[in-house]
Amino acid sequence: MVADKTKRRRGVYLLPNLLTSAALFAGFYSVISGINGKFEAAAIAIIVAGFLDGLDGRVARLTNTQSDFGEQYDSLSDLISFGLAPALLAFNWSLSSLGDISTFAGKLGWLAAFLYMACTALRLARFNTQVGIADKRYFQGLASPAAAGTLVFTIWFFVDNNVSGETVSWLIFFETVALGILMFSNVRYYSFKVAPNGEKVPGMWLLLALLIIVLLALNPPVMGMSLGFVYVLSGLLITIAGRRNWKLKRHQRPHRESAVEPDNAKAAAKEPENDAESGDPHA
């Protein structure tokens, strides 16, 4: 019996880790496709990896098959699928053409790709250290699948419209750098795991999710890129609004304290009168 229990503990759960392996395969396939010049297939592979990445965690929770091994394996898969694969896709399709401008511009191109991948690794490492203590309503920094999706849908949009990567090389450069920095920033983004008030997600959100799926089916590159930029901007607006509310509360705090102090002074001034009226011999 003891030997059987030890074997079970040493094993891994098949279904969620199989989905994670499929996401890793999609990310690796994207790298190979990008090297061979099949940029549209490379972009779609990363999107498929994002779908599988969102599925493996939910399956693990539904089947109660979470494990430390699964969490670490998922992070390593995310680094390949949403860090290395998008960075190489952006470089192979567009950023490498910066070398035609000058040697310095060429260095900026591959450094931008490296920065994106490094920020993905940093973001995943920070996320792993905050599991169980972070606010489930928000992500601290842009999630790596969202950053990869925004970058990949942008590339897919230009490829679908026969725009060469060289034409928009500087646009892809700034987008790659910005998305990388946002991943390791303190900008807050809705996680959509729970409602903003901490309760269960309203049923209306399911209708919104179905609407998004329909829009993506109509024109995946256009709608994916648009939704990606909307989500990226939403985090900036949430963070700015949160800091503004914090500053307002901070400015109101001294006024509240000053409003309390005169009341205490009046109470202290009335105390001798009350003592005198009560006939206290010590007054």
Protein backbone atom coordinates (compact mmCIF):
# COMPACT_ATOMS: atom_id res chain seq x y z
CA MET A 1 0.00 0.00 0.00
CA VAL A 2 2.81 2.42 0.87
CA ALA A 3 4.58 1.65 -2.39
CA ASP A 4 1.38 2.33 -4.36
CA LYS A 5 0.91 5.71 -2.68
CA THR A 6 4.53 6.64 -3.41
CA LYS A 7 4.07 5.81 -7.07
CA ARG A 8 0.97 7.96 -7.26
CA ARG A 9 2.73 10.91 -5.67
CA ARG A 10 5.66 10.61 -8.05
CA GLY A 11 3.38 10.60 -11.10
CA VAL A 12 1.91 13.58 -12.92
CA TYR A 13 -1.64 14.36 -13.99
CA LEU A 14 -2.07 13.53 -17.65
CA LEU A 15 -4.85 15.78 -18.97
CA PRO A 16 -3.73 19.28 -17.89
CA ASN A 17 -0.06 18.53 -18.65
CA LEU A 18 -1.06 17.14 -22.04
CA LEU A 19 -2.76 20.45 -22.84
CA THR A 20 0.34 22.30 -21.66
CA SER A 21 2.46 20.09 -23.94
CA ALA A 22 0.16 20.93 -26.84
CA ALA A 23 0.59 24.64 -26.13
CA LEU A 24 4.37 24.15 -26.02
CA PHE A 25 4.22 22.31 -29.33
CA ALA A 26 2.23 25.17 -30.88
CA GLY A 27 4.82 27.68 -29.67
CA PHE A 28 7.69 25.61 -31.07
CA TYR A 29 5.83 25.17 -34.36
CA SER A 30 5.49 28.95 -34.54
CA VAL A 31 9.27 29.33 -34.21
CA ILE A 32 9.88 26.83 -37.02
CA SER A 33 7.23 28.42 -39.26
CA GLY A 34 8.65 31.90 -38.72
CA ILE A 35 12.16 30.73 -39.63
CA ASN A 36 10.78 29.19 -42.85
CA GLY A 37 8.97 32.41 -43.76
CA LYS A 38 5.45 31.12 -43.03
CA PHE A 39 4.52 34.11 -40.89
CA GLU A 40 0.74 33.70 -40.96
CA ALA A 41 1.00 30.09 -39.79
CA ALA A 42 3.44 31.20 -37.08
CA ALA A 43 0.99 33.83 -35.83
CA ILE A 44 -1.94 31.41 -35.79
CA ALA A 45 0.14 28.84 -33.88
CA ILE A 46 0.78 31.32 -31.06
CA ILE A 47 -2.94 32.12 -30.88
CA VAL A 48 -3.70 28.40 -30.63
CA ALA A 49 -1.11 28.17 -27.84
CA GLY A 50 -2.92 30.95 -25.99
CA PHE A 51 -6.21 29.06 -26.24
CA LEU A 52 -4.61 25.86 -24.94
CA ASP A 53 -2.85 27.77 -22.14
CA GLY A 54 -6.15 29.15 -20.91
CA LEU A 55 -7.69 25.70 -21.11
CA ASP A 56 -5.12 23.68 -19.17
CA GLY A 57 -5.46 25.70 -15.98
CA ARG A 58 -9.25 25.54 -16.03
CA VAL A 59 -9.21 21.81 -16.66
CA ALA A 60 -6.80 21.33 -13.77
CA ARG A 61 -9.10 23.29 -11.44
CA LEU A 62 -12.26 21.53 -12.62
CA THR A 63 -10.73 18.08 -12.23
CA ASN A 64 -8.84 19.00 -9.04
CA THR A 65 -5.53 17.98 -10.64
CA GLN A 66 -3.40 21.04 -9.79
CA SER A 67 0.21 20.35 -8.89
CA ASP A 68 3.49 22.18 -8.37
CA PHE A 69 4.91 20.29 -11.33
CA GLY A 70 2.06 21.51 -13.52
CA GLU A 71 2.57 25.12 -12.47
CA GLN A 72 6.28 25.07 -13.25
CA TYR A 73 5.76 23.24 -16.53
CA ASP A 74 3.10 25.75 -17.54
CA SER A 75 5.47 28.66 -16.86
CA LEU A 76 8.22 27.10 -18.97
CA SER A 77 5.71 26.50 -21.76
CA ASP A 78 4.54 30.11 -21.53
CA LEU A 79 8.11 31.36 -21.83
CA ILE A 80 8.47 29.53 -25.15
CA SER A 81 4.99 30.15 -26.55
CA PHE A 82 4.49 33.76 -25.40
CA GLY A 83 8.06 34.94 -24.97
CA LEU A 84 10.46 33.35 -27.43
CA ALA A 85 8.00 32.59 -30.25
CA PRO A 86 6.47 36.11 -30.56
CA ALA A 87 9.89 37.75 -30.20
CA LEU A 88 11.38 35.62 -33.00
CA LEU A 89 8.29 36.14 -35.16
CA ALA A 90 8.56 39.92 -34.80
CA PHE A 91 12.29 39.77 -35.53
CA ASN A 92 12.11 37.43 -38.52
CA TRP A 93 9.20 39.27 -40.12
CA SER A 94 10.06 42.90 -39.43
CA LEU A 95 12.77 43.83 -36.92
CA SER A 96 15.57 42.16 -38.87
CA SER A 97 14.98 44.67 -41.70
CA LEU A 98 16.21 47.48 -39.43
CA GLY A 99 19.70 46.26 -40.22
CA ASP A 100 19.25 47.59 -43.75
CA ILE A 101 19.00 51.12 -42.33
CA SER A 102 22.19 51.02 -40.27
CA THR A 103 24.20 48.74 -38.04
CA PHE A 104 22.92 50.57 -34.96
CA ALA A 105 19.29 50.19 -36.05
CA GLY A 106 19.91 46.50 -36.65
CA LYS A 107 21.15 46.10 -33.09
CA LEU A 108 18.05 47.89 -31.82
CA GLY A 109 15.93 45.36 -33.69
CA TRP A 110 17.29 42.23 -32.05
CA LEU A 111 17.63 43.97 -28.68
CA ALA A 112 13.92 44.82 -28.80
CA ALA A 113 13.14 41.14 -29.41
CA PHE A 114 15.41 40.14 -26.52
CA LEU A 115 13.83 42.74 -24.20
CA TYR A 116 10.39 41.34 -24.96
CA MET A 117 11.49 37.77 -24.18
CA ALA A 118 13.36 38.82 -21.02
CA CYS A 119 10.35 40.76 -19.71
CA THR A 120 8.20 37.69 -20.31
CA ALA A 121 10.56 35.63 -18.15
CA LEU A 122 10.60 38.30 -15.43
CA ARG A 123 6.83 38.58 -15.46
CA LEU A 124 6.37 34.81 -15.15
CA ALA A 125 8.91 34.62 -12.31
CA ARG A 126 7.14 37.41 -10.43
CA PHE A 127 3.77 35.77 -10.99
CA ASN A 128 5.01 32.45 -9.59
CA THR A 129 6.27 34.12 -6.43
CA GLN A 130 2.92 35.86 -5.86
CA VAL A 131 0.65 32.84 -6.26
CA GLY A 132 -1.79 32.74 -3.36
CA ILE A 133 -1.16 36.30 -2.15
CA ALA A 134 -1.96 38.40 -5.23
CA ASP A 135 -5.37 39.94 -5.84
CA LYS A 136 -7.22 37.57 -8.16
CA ARG A 137 -9.22 40.42 -9.65
CA TYR A 138 -6.19 42.00 -11.30
CA PHE A 139 -2.95 41.06 -12.99
CA GLN A 140 0.14 43.02 -11.96
CA GLY A 141 1.53 43.83 -15.36
CA LEU A 142 0.21 42.75 -18.73
CA ALA A 143 -0.25 38.97 -18.89
CA SER A 144 2.15 37.30 -21.31
CA PRO A 145 -0.61 35.63 -23.42
CA ALA A 146 -2.33 39.03 -23.85
CA ALA A 147 0.95 40.72 -24.83
CA ALA A 148 1.79 37.94 -27.29
CA GLY A 149 -1.73 38.02 -28.73
CA THR A 150 -1.61 41.78 -29.30
CA LEU A 151 1.77 41.58 -31.06
CA VAL A 152 0.87 38.50 -33.09
CA PHE A 153 -2.53 39.79 -34.22
CA THR A 154 -0.81 43.00 -35.36
CA ILE A 155 1.66 41.02 -37.46
CA TRP A 156 -1.12 38.82 -38.83
CA PHE A 157 -3.11 41.94 -39.77
CA PHE A 158 -0.24 43.37 -41.83
CA VAL A 159 0.59 40.00 -43.43
CA ASP A 160 -3.07 39.52 -44.34
CA ASN A 161 -3.10 42.95 -46.02
CA ASN A 162 0.16 42.25 -47.91
CA VAL A 163 2.13 44.88 -45.97
CA SER A 164 5.81 44.05 -45.75
CA GLY A 165 7.54 43.95 -42.39
CA GLU A 166 10.14 46.41 -43.61
CA THR A 167 7.44 49.06 -44.17
CA VAL A 168 6.26 48.96 -40.55
CA SER A 169 9.55 47.98 -38.90
CA TRP A 170 9.66 50.97 -36.54
CA LEU A 171 6.02 50.46 -35.57
CA ILE A 172 6.71 46.84 -34.65
CA PHE A 173 9.86 47.95 -32.81
CA PHE A 174 7.98 50.38 -30.54
CA GLU A 175 5.10 47.95 -30.03
CA THR A 176 7.47 45.13 -29.07
CA VAL A 177 9.32 47.33 -26.57
CA ALA A 178 6.10 48.78 -25.10
CA LEU A 179 4.45 45.39 -24.64
CA GLY A 180 7.59 43.99 -23.03
CA ILE A 181 7.81 46.86 -20.53
CA LEU A 182 4.09 46.61 -19.71
CA MET A 183 4.49 42.93 -18.82
CA PHE A 184 6.95 43.71 -16.02
CA SER A 185 5.32 46.99 -14.98
CA ASN A 186 2.97 47.66 -12.06
CA VAL A 187 0.08 48.50 -14.38
CA ARG A 188 -3.05 46.63 -13.29
CA TYR A 189 -5.23 44.67 -15.69
CA TYR A 190 -8.53 42.92 -15.09
CA SER A 191 -7.97 39.18 -14.88
CA PHE A 192 -11.61 38.27 -15.67
CA LYS A 193 -11.30 35.44 -13.14
CA VAL A 194 -13.72 37.16 -10.78
CA ALA A 195 -15.80 40.33 -10.92
CA PRO A 196 -14.18 43.65 -9.88
CA ASN A 197 -16.03 43.45 -6.54
CA GLY A 198 -14.51 40.04 -5.82
CA GLU A 199 -17.72 38.08 -6.38
CA LYS A 200 -18.61 35.66 -9.15
CA VAL A 201 -18.56 36.86 -12.74
CA PRO A 202 -21.98 38.20 -13.84
CA GLY A 203 -23.90 36.17 -16.41
CA MET A 204 -23.75 39.10 -18.83
CA TRP A 205 -20.03 38.49 -19.20
CA LEU A 206 -20.82 35.15 -20.86
CA LEU A 207 -22.86 36.95 -23.51
CA LEU A 208 -19.97 39.39 -24.01
CA ALA A 209 -17.55 36.47 -24.45
CA LEU A 210 -19.81 34.92 -27.08
CA LEU A 211 -20.00 38.26 -28.89
CA ILE A 212 -16.20 38.49 -28.94
CA ILE A 213 -15.97 34.97 -30.40
CA VAL A 214 -18.43 35.92 -33.16
CA LEU A 215 -16.46 39.09 -33.97
CA LEU A 216 -13.20 37.15 -34.08
CA ALA A 217 -14.74 34.64 -36.45
CA LEU A 218 -15.77 37.43 -38.84
CA ASN A 219 -12.27 38.88 -39.22
CA PRO A 220 -9.67 37.42 -36.81
CA PRO A 221 -6.72 39.74 -37.62
CA VAL A 222 -8.69 43.01 -37.41
CA MET A 223 -10.77 42.11 -34.37
CA GLY A 224 -7.90 40.43 -32.54
CA MET A 225 -5.63 43.43 -33.00
CA SER A 226 -8.41 45.84 -31.98
CA LEU A 227 -9.34 43.89 -28.86
CA GLY A 228 -5.67 43.57 -27.93
CA PHE A 229 -5.06 47.30 -28.06
CA VAL A 230 -8.30 47.99 -26.14
CA TYR A 231 -7.19 45.64 -23.37
CA VAL A 232 -3.70 47.15 -23.25
CA LEU A 233 -5.15 50.66 -22.93
CA SER A 234 -7.70 49.53 -20.33
CA GLY A 235 -4.93 48.67 -17.89
CA LEU A 236 -3.37 52.11 -18.26
CA LEU A 237 -6.75 53.77 -17.62
CA ILE A 238 -7.45 51.55 -14.59
CA THR A 239 -4.05 52.36 -13.09
CA ILE A 240 -4.38 56.12 -13.70
CA ALA A 241 -7.89 56.18 -12.21
CA GLY A 242 -6.72 54.16 -9.20
CA ARG A 243 -3.82 56.50 -8.48
CA ARG A 244 -6.07 59.55 -8.84
CA ASN A 245 -8.54 58.13 -6.31
CA TRP A 246 -5.66 57.33 -3.95
CA LYS A 247 -4.36 60.90 -4.18
CA LEU A 248 -7.83 62.32 -3.52
CA LYS A 249 -8.21 60.18 -0.42
CA ARG A 250 -4.75 61.21 0.72
CA HIS A 251 -5.59 64.92 0.38
CA GLN A 252 -8.87 64.45 2.22
CA ARG A 253 -7.17 62.76 5.15
CA PRO A 254 -5.67 65.95 6.76
CA HIS A 255 -9.03 67.73 6.45
CA ARG A 256 -10.71 64.94 8.35
CA GLU A 257 -8.09 65.06 11.11
CA SER A 258 -8.39 68.86 11.41
CA ALA A 259 -12.16 68.54 11.56
CA VAL A 260 -11.88 66.08 14.46
CA GLU A 261 -9.42 68.18 16.49
CA PRO A 262 -11.75 71.21 17.09
CA ASP A 263 -14.46 68.84 18.31
CA ASN A 264 -12.01 67.35 20.80
CA ALA A 265 -10.98 70.86 21.89
CA LYS A 266 -14.61 71.85 22.47
CA ALA A 267 -15.17 68.71 24.49
CA ALA A 268 -12.11 69.45 26.60
CA ALA A 269 -13.30 73.03 27.19
CA LYS A 270 -16.68 71.83 28.39
CA GLU A 271 -15.23 69.35 30.86
CA PRO A 272 -14.36 71.95 33.61
CA GLU A 273 -17.83 73.46 33.36
CA ASN A 274 -19.43 70.07 33.76
CA ASP A 275 -17.17 69.35 36.74
CA ALA A 276 -18.07 72.63 38.38
CA GLU A 277 -21.75 72.10 37.88
CA SER A 278 -21.58 68.60 39.31
CA GLY A 279 -19.97 69.91 42.55
CA ASP A 280 -16.77 67.92 42.22
CA PRO A 281 -14.50 68.99 45.14
CA HIS A 282 -11.39 68.54 42.99
CA ALA A 283 -12.57 71.09 40.35
